[in-house]
Structures are given as C-alpha cells and as structure tokens.
Amino acid sequence: ANERVNSVQVVMGIPQWKRNDLQLLLAGETGSEVDITSVVSYDIRIQDRELSLKLISMGNPHAICFVNEPVQTFPLSEIGPVVESNPIFPERTNFEVVNVLKRHKLKARVWERGVGETLSCGTGACAIAVASRLCGYSGNKIDITLPGGILSTEWDGAGAIQLSGPAREVFNGEWD
C-alpha cells in the first residue's frame, strides 16, 4: 500500500527531420517549392560563433548544437533567443547545447521557445539523443545530464524513442 514510484519510462514517439516537421523555412523557398528531403544539419553564424545545428522534431522543433566548450559556460541567455527566433524558424525553435562526455554520457542545457532556459526538457533530451546517434557520437542508450537531473534515452535508430527519468511526489491532496 505504501509503494512509491521512483522512476518513469515513457514512449516519446518517432523523431522526424523533414522540413515540414521542423517548421523550417530556408532562404529563397516558398511554401509550394519546399523539397521534402531530410534536413539534419544547418550551419548558422551568431555573434561571431559558427554553430552547426542538428535539426530534429519530436512533435516540436529542436536545434541541437554540440559544443567543445563546457555547456555551463556557454552564453545560452545571449545565443538562445537569437537561435529561437531566427527567420529560418517561422514558428521559433527550441535550442540545446550539448557536450559529449563519453559515448553514453552527454551534458546539456536547454533554451525552450517562448520560455527561456529550463532545468530539463523531455522532448529536448530525446532530440539530443537522436542527433547524437545520427552523428555517430553515441549508441542506442544515452544518459543526458541536464541542470534538473539525469534523463536516460533509448532509441534503436528507426522507431519510437523511450525516455526514462526520476519521479517523485510533489503534491498530495483530496478532491471533494
């Protein structure tokens, strides 16, 4: 009767990377001329920084940037809003900066569109895992350390991605 759940695993869906899924508008394109081919990488220059973005949709668009500098010192509050509202993202995008620590361990920070920096993001962690696997940085199972804690992902490269993380009770009440 006093059993407590301390972790949860959810199926987060199948990642997508077609232009329509990414809500992406590249220069010189009109809606009727968009070639529905995979767009996984897009290079952009922001504030004297060359950023290579990996573009993944988990039902919402994500632009992931693998960086060499520690994510904790990356100027996310300056760069995040510029990436989020770049004209190639007419619906705006989420932006993640990521360090590859080991083949199965990543560290990241998230700039969520319309919100700003967040402690964690489930779809962001999944997008990071997909981008990491597609780039050859990791395999099927990855632990991603975010400011709010560690999320674990598992993706076979084709189907739905699974996300696991800690769970704890934050509220208990009764409804009359």
Protein backbone atom coordinates (compact mmCIF):
# COMPACT_ATOMS: atom_id res chain seq x y z
CA ALA A 1 0.00 0.00 0.00
CA ASN A 2 2.95 2.36 0.64
CA GLU A 3 4.72 1.53 -2.62
CA ARG A 4 6.24 4.55 -4.30
CA VAL A 5 7.19 5.06 -7.92
CA ASN A 6 10.73 6.43 -8.15
CA SER A 7 11.26 6.36 -11.91
CA VAL A 8 9.12 6.52 -15.02
CA GLN A 9 9.66 5.43 -18.62
CA VAL A 10 7.56 6.85 -21.46
CA VAL A 11 7.47 6.33 -25.21
CA MET A 12 8.06 9.75 -26.76
CA GLY A 13 7.20 8.98 -30.39
CA ILE A 14 9.17 8.68 -33.60
CA PRO A 15 11.62 11.51 -34.31
CA GLN A 16 11.22 13.41 -37.58
CA TRP A 17 13.58 15.58 -39.58
CA LYS A 18 11.70 16.64 -42.70
CA ARG A 19 11.32 20.35 -43.31
CA ASN A 20 7.58 20.37 -42.65
CA ASP A 21 8.05 18.58 -39.32
CA LEU A 22 10.77 21.05 -38.35
CA GLN A 23 8.60 24.05 -39.29
CA LEU A 24 11.63 25.21 -41.27
CA LEU A 25 11.82 27.92 -43.92
CA LEU A 26 15.15 28.22 -45.72
CA ALA A 27 16.12 31.32 -47.69
CA GLY A 28 14.65 31.52 -51.18
CA GLU A 29 11.90 28.96 -50.58
CA THR A 30 8.19 29.42 -50.81
CA GLY A 31 5.65 27.04 -49.31
CA SER A 32 4.89 25.30 -52.60
CA GLU A 33 8.53 24.81 -53.57
CA VAL A 34 9.81 23.14 -50.42
CA ASP A 35 11.66 19.92 -51.19
CA ILE A 36 10.58 17.40 -48.55
CA THR A 37 14.02 15.88 -48.06
CA SER A 38 15.74 15.27 -44.77
CA VAL A 39 17.39 18.32 -43.27
CA VAL A 40 19.55 17.22 -40.39
CA SER A 41 22.30 19.86 -40.30
CA TYR A 42 22.20 23.61 -40.75
CA ASP A 43 25.16 25.92 -40.14
CA ILE A 44 24.49 29.39 -38.79
CA ARG A 45 26.64 32.33 -37.63
CA ILE A 46 25.58 34.16 -34.45
CA GLN A 47 27.68 36.73 -32.59
CA ASP A 48 30.98 35.63 -34.19
CA ARG A 49 30.16 31.98 -33.47
CA GLU A 50 29.81 29.31 -36.13
CA LEU A 51 27.12 26.94 -34.90
CA SER A 52 26.36 23.65 -36.61
CA LEU A 53 22.74 22.91 -35.73
CA LYS A 54 21.27 19.42 -35.89
CA LEU A 55 17.55 19.76 -36.58
CA ILE A 56 15.14 17.19 -35.13
CA SER A 57 11.40 17.29 -34.43
CA MET A 58 9.82 15.40 -31.56
CA GLY A 59 6.43 16.92 -32.38
CA ASN A 60 8.07 20.27 -31.66
CA PRO A 61 11.21 21.59 -33.39
CA HIS A 62 14.68 21.36 -31.84
CA ALA A 63 18.03 22.78 -32.94
CA ILE A 64 20.86 20.92 -31.22
CA CYS A 65 24.43 22.22 -31.14
CA PHE A 66 27.31 20.02 -29.99
CA VAL A 67 29.99 22.28 -28.49
CA ASN A 68 33.52 21.78 -27.19
CA GLU A 69 33.33 24.48 -24.51
CA PRO A 70 31.60 23.39 -21.29
CA VAL A 71 27.84 23.83 -21.61
CA GLN A 72 27.78 25.56 -18.21
CA THR A 73 29.88 28.46 -19.60
CA PHE A 74 28.11 28.67 -22.99
CA PRO A 75 26.29 32.06 -23.19
CA LEU A 76 22.86 30.43 -23.57
CA SER A 77 20.93 33.52 -22.41
CA GLU A 78 22.51 35.52 -25.25
CA ILE A 79 22.60 32.94 -28.05
CA GLY A 80 19.39 31.04 -27.21
CA PRO A 81 16.90 33.82 -28.05
CA VAL A 82 18.72 34.57 -31.32
CA VAL A 83 18.56 30.92 -32.45
CA GLU A 84 14.96 30.57 -31.21
CA SER A 85 13.70 33.47 -33.31
CA ASN A 86 15.94 33.08 -36.37
CA PRO A 87 13.93 33.65 -39.59
CA ILE A 88 14.54 30.04 -40.72
CA PHE A 89 12.25 29.02 -37.82
CA PRO A 90 8.97 30.89 -38.53
CA GLU A 91 7.31 29.10 -35.56
CA ARG A 92 10.51 29.51 -33.48
CA THR A 93 12.54 26.56 -32.17
CA ASN A 94 13.92 25.01 -29.02
CA PHE A 95 17.72 25.17 -28.76
CA GLU A 96 20.02 22.77 -26.94
CA VAL A 97 23.79 22.97 -26.37
CA VAL A 98 25.49 19.65 -25.70
CA ASN A 99 28.84 18.23 -24.58
CA VAL A 100 29.72 14.65 -25.42
CA LEU A 101 31.42 13.35 -22.27
CA LYS A 102 31.54 9.65 -23.19
CA ARG A 103 29.82 7.51 -25.80
CA HIS A 104 26.83 7.02 -23.49
CA LYS A 105 27.03 10.23 -21.42
CA LEU A 106 26.10 13.74 -22.55
CA LYS A 107 25.68 17.03 -20.71
CA ALA A 108 23.25 19.67 -21.97
CA ARG A 109 21.39 22.91 -21.38
CA VAL A 110 18.05 23.82 -22.96
CA TRP A 111 16.60 27.09 -24.27
CA GLU A 112 12.88 26.41 -24.68
CA ARG A 113 10.98 28.51 -27.21
CA GLY A 114 8.70 31.02 -25.55
CA VAL A 115 10.08 30.20 -22.09
CA GLY A 116 13.86 30.65 -21.91
CA GLU A 117 16.32 28.39 -20.15
CA THR A 118 14.70 25.43 -18.41
CA LEU A 119 16.05 22.89 -15.95
CA SER A 120 15.04 19.96 -18.12
CA CYS A 121 13.08 19.08 -21.25
CA GLY A 122 11.85 15.62 -22.22
CA THR A 123 11.45 16.27 -25.95
CA GLY A 124 14.78 18.12 -25.89
CA ALA A 125 16.56 15.15 -24.32
CA CYS A 126 15.06 12.88 -26.97
CA ALA A 127 16.08 15.22 -29.79
CA ILE A 128 19.61 15.39 -28.34
CA ALA A 129 19.80 11.59 -28.21
CA VAL A 130 18.61 11.23 -31.80
CA ALA A 131 21.07 13.86 -33.07
CA SER A 132 23.90 12.26 -31.10
CA ARG A 133 23.19 8.83 -32.55
CA LEU A 134 22.80 10.18 -36.11
CA CYS A 135 26.16 11.99 -35.76
CA GLY A 136 27.84 8.81 -34.53
CA TYR A 137 28.61 10.24 -31.07
CA SER A 138 26.63 7.58 -29.22
CA GLY A 139 24.74 4.32 -29.47
CA ASN A 140 21.20 3.34 -28.57
CA LYS A 141 21.30 4.14 -24.84
CA ILE A 142 22.35 7.55 -23.53
CA ASP A 143 22.28 9.34 -20.17
CA ILE A 144 21.86 13.10 -20.52
CA THR A 145 22.73 15.31 -17.57
CA LEU A 146 20.66 18.49 -17.50
CA PRO A 147 20.61 21.14 -14.75
CA GLY A 148 17.47 19.47 -13.32
CA GLY A 149 18.85 15.93 -13.29
CA ILE A 150 19.67 12.95 -15.46
CA LEU A 151 17.34 11.66 -18.17
CA SER A 152 18.00 8.37 -19.94
CA THR A 153 17.05 7.65 -23.53
CA GLU A 154 16.93 4.57 -25.69
CA TRP A 155 16.47 4.67 -29.48
CA ASP A 156 17.06 1.90 -32.00
CA GLY A 157 17.59 4.34 -34.86
CA ALA A 158 14.25 3.73 -36.51
CA GLY A 159 11.23 3.54 -34.21
CA ALA A 160 9.94 5.45 -31.22
CA ILE A 161 12.37 6.78 -28.64
CA GLN A 162 11.97 5.95 -24.95
CA LEU A 163 12.69 8.41 -22.15
CA SER A 164 13.31 7.47 -18.51
CA GLY A 165 13.84 9.65 -15.51
CA PRO A 166 13.32 10.03 -11.79
CA ALA A 167 9.85 10.57 -10.38
CA ARG A 168 8.88 11.97 -7.02
CA GLU A 169 5.70 13.06 -5.39
CA VAL A 170 5.36 16.83 -5.34
CA PHE A 171 1.75 17.11 -4.20
CA ASN A 172 -0.84 15.04 -2.41
CA GLY A 173 -4.42 16.08 -1.84
CA GLU A 174 -8.07 15.15 -1.91
CA TRP A 175 -10.85 16.45 -4.10
CA ASP A 176 -14.34 16.63 -2.59
